[in-house]
Amino acid sequence: MNMFNIVPVEIWTILISVVVGFFKAFRFVHEGEQGIKLRFGKAVRDKNGEPKVINPGFAFLVPFVDTLKRHHVRQETIKFDHQRIMIREGLIFNVNAIVIFRIRDVYKALFEIENLGYSIEDLGMGILRDEVSKRDYTELEETEKISQNLLQVIRTKAEEWGIEFIQFKLTSCAPSTESAQLIFSKIGVRFKLEALVEAAKLTSTLDIDSGLASVLVGTPLVATTTVNVKQANNRPHPRKPDESIVERVLEELGRGAGGGIETKEAASV
């Protein structure tokens, strides 16, 4: 006689439920992971009221009552590649950066922050743009200082999100092709103007033809400075030209390499 005909269907149902329940009662938490046990949808807590963290190994669950949520706690890296950011002077820079972090509180990572990876990416991108856009191109050479500021700002979210931020590093920061041309033009004009200033210091009278200055400096420039020399003991005593004019010209240069500069000053003593 067939065995299945001898044993009632109800008994077979119970046996199958017991076997399935036995296998569902054991779950694995793998190396590099941590878990939180949920009972009827609520986290199981210890006597201090803190969520009970399940470390790597076996976890026993009450069948059909308990569930297990796991998340890896290994070090992670998020990259920000080819970000185009406009800085304070209106120039465009191509910026690359990385964020390295690991999860310290698996309960917060699982239940208090939705889509943790995307949230960190959005947060990091916002902090990166704020930090870079408020600087001028000369300050962007200080990549280590900027990286320290980035890490300090993003760490304000570390406790709230249960995360340890290890590094937020600016890996590269270079101007776009158009911005690079403007920067090189500005630097070239400044160097040429400084050369004219040094030449002016060697004589008591500086009278530069506007056409010659335009050729030398590369921008429209009219600079006429006349210094009358005092006579002492019937001997000329040369005096340096008024450097406030130079400062004004440099200030105008700082407003943009593409703009024209036209100054005309006369100083007499």
C-alpha atoms as a PDB file:
ATOM      1  CA  MET A   1       0.000   0.000   0.000  1.00  0.00           C
ATOM      2  CA  ASN A   2       1.230   3.473  -0.853  1.00  0.00           C
ATOM      3  CA  MET A   3       2.706   5.365   2.069  1.00  0.00           C
ATOM      4  CA  PHE A   4       1.019   8.581   0.999  1.00  0.00           C
ATOM      5  CA  ASN A   5      -2.338   6.885   1.284  1.00  0.00           C
ATOM      6  CA  ILE A   6      -1.612   5.742   4.848  1.00  0.00           C
ATOM      7  CA  VAL A   7      -0.497   9.111   6.280  1.00  0.00           C
ATOM      8  CA  PRO A   8      -3.220  11.746   6.285  1.00  0.00           C
ATOM      9  CA  VAL A   9      -2.767  14.905   4.280  1.00  0.00           C
ATOM     10  CA  GLU A  10      -2.878  17.002   7.433  1.00  0.00           C
ATOM     11  CA  ILE A  11       0.186  15.245   8.819  1.00  0.00           C
ATOM     12  CA  TRP A  12       2.120  15.813   5.631  1.00  0.00           C
ATOM     13  CA  THR A  13       1.213  19.484   5.749  1.00  0.00           C
ATOM     14  CA  ILE A  14       2.503  19.760   9.292  1.00  0.00           C
ATOM     15  CA  LEU A  15       5.749  17.940   8.446  1.00  0.00           C
ATOM     16  CA  ILE A  16       6.434  20.128   5.447  1.00  0.00           C
ATOM     17  CA  SER A  17       5.742  23.282   7.516  1.00  0.00           C
ATOM     18  CA  VAL A  18       8.179  22.099  10.190  1.00  0.00           C
ATOM     19  CA  VAL A  19      10.937  21.461   7.636  1.00  0.00           C
ATOM     20  CA  VAL A  20      10.406  24.823   5.937  1.00  0.00           C
ATOM     21  CA  GLY A  21      10.288  26.564   9.297  1.00  0.00           C
ATOM     22  CA  PHE A  22      13.510  24.856  10.366  1.00  0.00           C
ATOM     23  CA  PHE A  23      15.383  26.199   7.355  1.00  0.00           C
ATOM     24  CA  LYS A  24      13.817  29.632   7.734  1.00  0.00           C
ATOM     25  CA  ALA A  25      14.901  29.748  11.369  1.00  0.00           C
ATOM     26  CA  PHE A  26      18.563  30.073  10.413  1.00  0.00           C
ATOM     27  CA  ARG A  27      20.092  32.921   8.468  1.00  0.00           C
ATOM     28  CA  PHE A  28      23.670  33.784   7.694  1.00  0.00           C
ATOM     29  CA  VAL A  29      25.307  37.158   8.232  1.00  0.00           C
ATOM     30  CA  HIS A  30      28.359  37.158   5.988  1.00  0.00           C
ATOM     31  CA  GLU A  31      31.793  38.563   6.763  1.00  0.00           C
ATOM     32  CA  GLY A  32      31.832  42.314   6.235  1.00  0.00           C
ATOM     33  CA  GLU A  33      28.129  42.602   7.044  1.00  0.00           C
ATOM     34  CA  GLN A  34      25.987  43.401  10.054  1.00  0.00           C
ATOM     35  CA  GLY A  35      22.287  42.792  10.536  1.00  0.00           C
ATOM     36  CA  ILE A  36      19.257  43.883  12.542  1.00  0.00           C
ATOM     37  CA  LYS A  37      16.607  41.378  13.622  1.00  0.00           C
ATOM     38  CA  LEU A  38      13.014  42.506  13.190  1.00  0.00           C
ATOM     39  CA  ARG A  39      10.172  40.923  15.167  1.00  0.00           C
ATOM     40  CA  PHE A  40       6.745  41.708  13.757  1.00  0.00           C
ATOM     41  CA  GLY A  41       8.424  44.546  11.839  1.00  0.00           C
ATOM     42  CA  LYS A  42      10.113  46.181  14.843  1.00  0.00           C
ATOM     43  CA  ALA A  43      13.815  46.025  15.654  1.00  0.00           C
ATOM     44  CA  VAL A  44      14.705  43.683  18.499  1.00  0.00           C
ATOM     45  CA  ARG A  45      16.418  45.684  21.228  1.00  0.00           C
ATOM     46  CA  ASP A  46      18.681  44.828  24.134  1.00  0.00           C
ATOM     47  CA  LYS A  47      18.051  45.606  27.799  1.00  0.00           C
ATOM     48  CA  ASN A  48      19.400  49.148  27.276  1.00  0.00           C
ATOM     49  CA  GLY A  49      16.877  49.825  24.537  1.00  0.00           C
ATOM     50  CA  GLU A  50      19.472  49.832  21.758  1.00  0.00           C
ATOM     51  CA  PRO A  51      18.865  47.892  18.516  1.00  0.00           C
ATOM     52  CA  LYS A  52      20.484  44.479  18.736  1.00  0.00           C
ATOM     53  CA  VAL A  53      23.144  44.165  16.027  1.00  0.00           C
ATOM     54  CA  ILE A  54      23.734  40.718  14.505  1.00  0.00           C
ATOM     55  CA  ASN A  55      27.420  40.154  13.701  1.00  0.00           C
ATOM     56  CA  PRO A  56      28.777  37.720  11.071  1.00  0.00           C
ATOM     57  CA  GLY A  57      27.718  34.120  11.660  1.00  0.00           C
ATOM     58  CA  PHE A  58      24.448  32.248  12.308  1.00  0.00           C
ATOM     59  CA  ALA A  59      21.330  34.118  13.326  1.00  0.00           C
ATOM     60  CA  PHE A  60      18.358  32.233  14.749  1.00  0.00           C
ATOM     61  CA  LEU A  61      14.946  33.563  13.768  1.00  0.00           C
ATOM     62  CA  VAL A  62      11.513  32.562  14.959  1.00  0.00           C
ATOM     63  CA  PRO A  63       9.816  31.252  11.781  1.00  0.00           C
ATOM     64  CA  PHE A  64       7.147  33.531  10.326  1.00  0.00           C
ATOM     65  CA  VAL A  65       7.761  36.020  13.157  1.00  0.00           C
ATOM     66  CA  ASP A  66      11.324  37.307  12.767  1.00  0.00           C
ATOM     67  CA  THR A  67      13.070  38.741   9.719  1.00  0.00           C
ATOM     68  CA  LEU A  68      16.659  39.822   9.214  1.00  0.00           C
ATOM     69  CA  LYS A  69      17.895  42.994   7.475  1.00  0.00           C
ATOM     70  CA  ARG A  70      21.561  43.072   6.503  1.00  0.00           C
ATOM     71  CA  HIS A  71      23.952  45.721   5.191  1.00  0.00           C
ATOM     72  CA  HIS A  72      27.649  45.553   4.452  1.00  0.00           C
ATOM     73  CA  VAL A  73      29.942  47.713   6.580  1.00  0.00           C
ATOM     74  CA  ARG A  74      32.983  47.616   4.333  1.00  0.00           C
ATOM     75  CA  GLN A  75      34.737  50.763   3.157  1.00  0.00           C
ATOM     76  CA  GLU A  76      33.043  52.378   0.158  1.00  0.00           C
ATOM     77  CA  THR A  77      34.153  54.956  -2.406  1.00  0.00           C
ATOM     78  CA  ILE A  78      32.019  57.414  -4.351  1.00  0.00           C
ATOM     79  CA  LYS A  79      33.607  59.249  -7.284  1.00  0.00           C
ATOM     80  CA  PHE A  80      32.663  62.666  -8.646  1.00  0.00           C
ATOM     81  CA  ASP A  81      34.120  62.694 -12.148  1.00  0.00           C
ATOM     82  CA  HIS A  82      34.179  65.541 -14.687  1.00  0.00           C
ATOM     83  CA  GLN A  83      32.150  68.038 -12.684  1.00  0.00           C
ATOM     84  CA  ARG A  84      31.956  71.457 -14.380  1.00  0.00           C
ATOM     85  CA  ILE A  85      31.828  74.159 -11.700  1.00  0.00           C
ATOM     86  CA  MET A  86      31.755  77.942 -12.163  1.00  0.00           C
ATOM     87  CA  ILE A  87      34.049  79.718  -9.711  1.00  0.00           C
ATOM     88  CA  ARG A  88      33.845  83.244  -8.294  1.00  0.00           C
ATOM     89  CA  GLU A  89      35.280  84.988 -11.385  1.00  0.00           C
ATOM     90  CA  GLY A  90      32.874  83.316 -13.798  1.00  0.00           C
ATOM     91  CA  LEU A  91      35.476  80.819 -15.033  1.00  0.00           C
ATOM     92  CA  ILE A  92      34.595  77.169 -15.578  1.00  0.00           C
ATOM     93  CA  PHE A  93      36.733  74.452 -13.948  1.00  0.00           C
ATOM     94  CA  ASN A  94      36.624  70.690 -14.470  1.00  0.00           C
ATOM     95  CA  VAL A  95      36.764  69.057 -11.033  1.00  0.00           C
ATOM     96  CA  ASN A  96      37.242  65.440  -9.920  1.00  0.00           C
ATOM     97  CA  ALA A  97      36.873  64.267  -6.315  1.00  0.00           C
ATOM     98  CA  ILE A  98      36.301  61.124  -4.239  1.00  0.00           C
ATOM     99  CA  VAL A  99      34.530  60.374  -0.953  1.00  0.00           C
ATOM    100  CA  ILE A 100      35.620  57.375   1.127  1.00  0.00           C
ATOM    101  CA  PHE A 101      33.390  56.240   4.007  1.00  0.00           C
ATOM    102  CA  ARG A 102      32.201  53.248   6.010  1.00  0.00           C
ATOM    103  CA  ILE A 103      29.062  52.515   8.016  1.00  0.00           C
ATOM    104  CA  ARG A 104      29.407  52.646  11.800  1.00  0.00           C
ATOM    105  CA  ASP A 105      25.737  52.368  12.814  1.00  0.00           C
ATOM    106  CA  VAL A 106      23.967  49.773  10.671  1.00  0.00           C
ATOM    107  CA  TYR A 107      20.572  50.577  12.221  1.00  0.00           C
ATOM    108  CA  LYS A 108      20.703  54.210  11.039  1.00  0.00           C
ATOM    109  CA  ALA A 109      22.019  53.145   7.644  1.00  0.00           C
ATOM    110  CA  LEU A 110      19.118  50.697   7.200  1.00  0.00           C
ATOM    111  CA  PHE A 111      16.161  52.554   8.661  1.00  0.00           C
ATOM    112  CA  GLU A 112      16.874  56.273   9.090  1.00  0.00           C
ATOM    113  CA  ILE A 113      18.322  57.152   5.658  1.00  0.00           C
ATOM    114  CA  GLU A 114      16.589  56.144   2.435  1.00  0.00           C
ATOM    115  CA  ASN A 115      18.954  55.173  -0.387  1.00  0.00           C
ATOM    116  CA  LEU A 116      22.096  55.866   1.593  1.00  0.00           C
ATOM    117  CA  GLY A 117      24.445  55.789  -1.393  1.00  0.00           C
ATOM    118  CA  TYR A 118      22.425  58.312  -3.395  1.00  0.00           C
ATOM    119  CA  SER A 119      22.048  60.539  -0.344  1.00  0.00           C
ATOM    120  CA  ILE A 120      25.813  60.661   0.233  1.00  0.00           C
ATOM    121  CA  GLU A 121      26.375  61.355  -3.460  1.00  0.00           C
ATOM    122  CA  ASP A 122      23.931  64.280  -3.468  1.00  0.00           C
ATOM    123  CA  LEU A 123      25.358  65.657  -0.220  1.00  0.00           C
ATOM    124  CA  GLY A 124      28.960  65.391  -1.419  1.00  0.00           C
ATOM    125  CA  MET A 125      28.188  67.015  -4.765  1.00  0.00           C
ATOM    126  CA  GLY A 126      26.499  69.973  -3.074  1.00  0.00           C
ATOM    127  CA  ILE A 127      29.386  70.484  -0.636  1.00  0.00           C
ATOM    128  CA  LEU A 128      31.942  70.209  -3.464  1.00  0.00           C
ATOM    129  CA  ARG A 129      30.187  72.865  -5.576  1.00  0.00           C
ATOM    130  CA  ASP A 130      29.801  75.249  -2.632  1.00  0.00           C
ATOM    131  CA  GLU A 131      33.442  74.927  -1.616  1.00  0.00           C
ATOM    132  CA  VAL A 132      34.904  75.351  -5.110  1.00  0.00           C
ATOM    133  CA  SER A 133      32.553  78.037  -6.460  1.00  0.00           C
ATOM    134  CA  LYS A 134      33.372  80.538  -3.697  1.00  0.00           C
ATOM    135  CA  ARG A 135      37.087  80.635  -4.594  1.00  0.00           C
ATOM    136  CA  ASP A 136      39.080  82.320  -7.342  1.00  0.00           C
ATOM    137  CA  TYR A 137      41.413  80.446  -9.676  1.00  0.00           C
ATOM    138  CA  THR A 138      44.550  81.244  -7.651  1.00  0.00           C
ATOM    139  CA  GLU A 139      43.102  79.532  -4.551  1.00  0.00           C
ATOM    140  CA  LEU A 140      42.251  76.314  -6.397  1.00  0.00           C
ATOM    141  CA  GLU A 141      45.930  75.342  -6.368  1.00  0.00           C
ATOM    142  CA  GLU A 142      45.595  74.603  -2.618  1.00  0.00           C
ATOM    143  CA  THR A 143      44.010  71.185  -3.142  1.00  0.00           C
ATOM    144  CA  GLU A 144      45.045  69.832   0.266  1.00  0.00           C
ATOM    145  CA  LYS A 145      43.452  72.765   2.093  1.00  0.00           C
ATOM    146  CA  ILE A 146      40.267  72.441   0.050  1.00  0.00           C
ATOM    147  CA  SER A 147      40.162  68.681   0.739  1.00  0.00           C
ATOM    148  CA  GLN A 148      40.428  69.308   4.484  1.00  0.00           C
ATOM    149  CA  ASN A 149      37.561  71.800   4.340  1.00  0.00           C
ATOM    150  CA  LEU A 150      35.427  69.363   2.332  1.00  0.00           C
ATOM    151  CA  LEU A 151      36.023  66.578   4.853  1.00  0.00           C
ATOM    152  CA  GLN A 152      35.268  68.853   7.799  1.00  0.00           C
ATOM    153  CA  VAL A 153      31.947  69.992   6.321  1.00  0.00           C
ATOM    154  CA  ILE A 154      30.714  66.537   5.309  1.00  0.00           C
ATOM    155  CA  ARG A 155      31.589  65.102   8.722  1.00  0.00           C
ATOM    156  CA  THR A 156      28.785  67.163  10.242  1.00  0.00           C
ATOM    157  CA  LYS A 157      26.431  64.520   8.826  1.00  0.00           C
ATOM    158  CA  ALA A 158      28.476  61.582  10.134  1.00  0.00           C
ATOM    159  CA  GLU A 159      26.743  61.191  13.499  1.00  0.00           C
ATOM    160  CA  GLU A 160      23.260  61.779  12.087  1.00  0.00           C
ATOM    161  CA  TRP A 161      23.683  59.130   9.387  1.00  0.00           C
ATOM    162  CA  GLY A 162      25.777  56.642  11.370  1.00  0.00           C
ATOM    163  CA  ILE A 163      28.703  56.966   8.949  1.00  0.00           C
ATOM    164  CA  GLU A 164      32.422  57.549   9.321  1.00  0.00           C
ATOM    165  CA  PHE A 165      33.786  59.727   6.517  1.00  0.00           C
ATOM    166  CA  ILE A 166      37.430  58.829   6.019  1.00  0.00           C
ATOM    167  CA  GLN A 167      38.392  61.080   3.132  1.00  0.00           C
ATOM    168  CA  PHE A 168      36.913  63.719   0.839  1.00  0.00           C
ATOM    169  CA  LYS A 169      39.699  64.495  -1.578  1.00  0.00           C
ATOM    170  CA  LEU A 170      39.909  66.860  -4.518  1.00  0.00           C
ATOM    171  CA  THR A 171      41.849  64.739  -7.018  1.00  0.00           C
ATOM    172  CA  SER A 172      42.076  67.228  -9.884  1.00  0.00           C
ATOM    173  CA  CYS A 173      40.968  70.761 -10.689  1.00  0.00           C
ATOM    174  CA  ALA A 174      41.712  72.266 -14.093  1.00  0.00           C
ATOM    175  CA  PRO A 175      40.166  75.122 -16.097  1.00  0.00           C
ATOM    176  CA  SER A 176      38.180  74.441 -19.238  1.00  0.00           C
ATOM    177  CA  THR A 177      39.788  75.324 -22.569  1.00  0.00           C
ATOM    178  CA  GLU A 178      38.067  78.704 -22.780  1.00  0.00           C
ATOM    179  CA  SER A 179      38.799  79.569 -19.150  1.00  0.00           C
ATOM    180  CA  ALA A 180      42.450  78.538 -19.517  1.00  0.00           C
ATOM    181  CA  GLN A 181      42.895  81.008 -22.386  1.00  0.00           C
ATOM    182  CA  LEU A 182      41.458  83.835 -20.279  1.00  0.00           C
ATOM    183  CA  ILE A 183      43.698  82.957 -17.332  1.00  0.00           C
ATOM    184  CA  PHE A 184      46.835  82.830 -19.502  1.00  0.00           C
ATOM    185  CA  SER A 185      45.952  86.203 -21.045  1.00  0.00           C
ATOM    186  CA  LYS A 186      45.443  87.744 -17.632  1.00  0.00           C
ATOM    187  CA  ILE A 187      48.732  86.397 -16.296  1.00  0.00           C
ATOM    188  CA  GLY A 188      50.573  87.590 -19.410  1.00  0.00           C
ATOM    189  CA  VAL A 189      49.186  91.114 -19.096  1.00  0.00           C
ATOM    190  CA  ARG A 190      50.131  91.247 -15.423  1.00  0.00           C
ATOM    191  CA  PHE A 191      53.720  90.142 -16.069  1.00  0.00           C
ATOM    192  CA  LYS A 192      54.165  92.689 -18.859  1.00  0.00           C
ATOM    193  CA  LEU A 193      52.738  95.487 -16.734  1.00  0.00           C
ATOM    194  CA  GLU A 194      55.023  94.593 -13.854  1.00  0.00           C
ATOM    195  CA  ALA A 195      57.963  94.792 -16.253  1.00  0.00           C
ATOM    196  CA  LEU A 196      56.883  98.330 -17.223  1.00  0.00           C
ATOM    197  CA  VAL A 197      56.607  99.245 -13.538  1.00  0.00           C
ATOM    198  CA  GLU A 198      60.141  98.028 -12.878  1.00  0.00           C
ATOM    199  CA  ALA A 199      61.366 100.111 -15.808  1.00  0.00           C
ATOM    200  CA  ALA A 200      59.542 103.129 -14.423  1.00  0.00           C
ATOM    201  CA  LYS A 201      61.364 102.835 -11.123  1.00  0.00           C
ATOM    202  CA  LEU A 202      64.692 103.353 -12.896  1.00  0.00           C
ATOM    203  CA  THR A 203      63.843 106.861 -14.040  1.00  0.00           C
ATOM    204  CA  SER A 204      62.189 109.904 -12.589  1.00  0.00           C
ATOM    205  CA  THR A 205      59.960 110.499 -15.629  1.00  0.00           C
ATOM    206  CA  LEU A 206      57.736 107.913 -17.283  1.00  0.00           C
ATOM    207  CA  ASP A 207      55.960 108.867 -20.488  1.00  0.00           C
ATOM    208  CA  ILE A 208      54.746 105.836 -22.431  1.00  0.00           C
ATOM    209  CA  ASP A 209      53.262 106.192 -25.850  1.00  0.00           C
ATOM    210  CA  SER A 210      49.803 104.558 -25.852  1.00  0.00           C
ATOM    211  CA  GLY A 211      50.532 102.633 -29.059  1.00  0.00           C
ATOM    212  CA  LEU A 212      53.780 101.230 -27.669  1.00  0.00           C
ATOM    213  CA  ALA A 213      52.086 100.316 -24.388  1.00  0.00           C
ATOM    214  CA  SER A 214      49.309  98.553 -26.266  1.00  0.00           C
ATOM    215  CA  VAL A 215      51.883  96.448 -28.125  1.00  0.00           C
ATOM    216  CA  LEU A 216      53.841  95.647 -24.968  1.00  0.00           C
ATOM    217  CA  VAL A 217      50.938  94.933 -22.653  1.00  0.00           C
ATOM    218  CA  GLY A 218      48.433  93.562 -25.119  1.00  0.00           C
ATOM    219  CA  THR A 219      45.487  95.717 -23.947  1.00  0.00           C
ATOM    220  CA  PRO A 220      44.543  99.383 -24.587  1.00  0.00           C
ATOM    221  CA  LEU A 221      46.570 101.404 -22.148  1.00  0.00           C
ATOM    222  CA  VAL A 222      47.340 105.088 -21.768  1.00  0.00           C
ATOM    223  CA  ALA A 223      49.714 105.733 -18.911  1.00  0.00           C
ATOM    224  CA  THR A 224      51.313 109.127 -18.523  1.00  0.00           C
ATOM    225  CA  THR A 225      53.052 109.913 -15.282  1.00  0.00           C
ATOM    226  CA  THR A 226      55.072 113.075 -14.907  1.00  0.00           C
ATOM    227  CA  VAL A 227      57.229 113.632 -11.916  1.00  0.00           C
ATOM    228  CA  ASN A 228      58.838 117.014 -11.342  1.00  0.00           C
ATOM    229  CA  VAL A 229      62.041 116.642  -9.452  1.00  0.00           C
ATOM    230  CA  LYS A 230      62.937 118.891  -6.553  1.00  0.00           C
ATOM    231  CA  GLN A 231      66.288 120.558  -6.705  1.00  0.00           C
ATOM    232  CA  ALA A 232      68.531 120.213  -3.723  1.00  0.00           C
ATOM    233  CA  ASN A 233      71.927 121.910  -3.698  1.00  0.00           C
ATOM    234  CA  ASN A 234      71.546 122.473  -7.477  1.00  0.00           C
ATOM    235  CA  ARG A 235      71.610 118.672  -7.967  1.00  0.00           C
ATOM    236  CA  PRO A 236      68.663 116.588  -9.204  1.00  0.00           C
ATOM    237  CA  HIS A 237      67.335 114.026  -6.762  1.00  0.00           C
ATOM    238  CA  PRO A 238      65.297 111.393  -8.699  1.00  0.00           C
ATOM    239  CA  ARG A 239      62.091 110.136  -7.186  1.00  0.00           C
ATOM    240  CA  LYS A 240      60.083 107.016  -7.885  1.00  0.00           C
ATOM    241  CA  PRO A 241      56.836 107.525  -9.805  1.00  0.00           C
ATOM    242  CA  ASP A 242      53.541 107.437  -7.953  1.00  0.00           C
ATOM    243  CA  GLU A 243      52.871 103.721  -7.448  1.00  0.00           C
ATOM    244  CA  SER A 244      49.183 104.312  -6.708  1.00  0.00           C
ATOM    245  CA  ILE A 245      48.690 104.490 -10.484  1.00  0.00           C
ATOM    246  CA  VAL A 246      50.225 101.055 -10.850  1.00  0.00           C
ATOM    247  CA  GLU A 247      47.965  99.722  -8.127  1.00  0.00           C
ATOM    248  CA  ARG A 248      44.900 101.087  -9.901  1.00  0.00           C
ATOM    249  CA  VAL A 249      45.935  99.488 -13.175  1.00  0.00           C
ATOM    250  CA  LEU A 250      46.534  96.157 -11.434  1.00  0.00           C
ATOM    251  CA  GLU A 251      43.138  96.462  -9.776  1.00  0.00           C
ATOM    252  CA  GLU A 252      41.525  96.965 -13.182  1.00  0.00           C
ATOM    253  CA  LEU A 253      43.389  93.943 -14.495  1.00  0.00           C
ATOM    254  CA  GLY A 254      41.990  91.884 -11.636  1.00  0.00           C
ATOM    255  CA  ARG A 255      38.446  92.528 -12.873  1.00  0.00           C
ATOM    256  CA  GLY A 256      39.001  90.483 -16.014  1.00  0.00           C
ATOM    257  CA  ALA A 257      41.673  89.752 -18.558  1.00  0.00           C
ATOM    258  CA  GLY A 258      39.410  90.449 -21.521  1.00  0.00           C
ATOM    259  CA  GLY A 259      38.434  94.009 -20.563  1.00  0.00           C
ATOM    260  CA  GLY A 260      40.234  97.099 -21.746  1.00  0.00           C
ATOM    261  CA  ILE A 261      42.211  99.281 -19.317  1.00  0.00           C
ATOM    262  CA  GLU A 262      42.554 103.019 -19.813  1.00  0.00           C
ATOM    263  CA  THR A 263      44.120 105.191 -17.118  1.00  0.00           C
ATOM    264  CA  LYS A 264      45.557 108.654 -17.310  1.00  0.00           C
ATOM    265  CA  GLU A 265      47.138 110.163 -14.249  1.00  0.00           C
ATOM    266  CA  ALA A 266      49.368 113.155 -13.640  1.00  0.00           C
ATOM    267  CA  ALA A 267      51.215 113.711 -10.396  1.00  0.00           C
ATOM    268  CA  SER A 268      53.402 116.653  -9.566  1.00  0.00           C
ATOM    269  CA  VAL A 269      55.479 117.382  -6.510  1.00  0.00           C
END
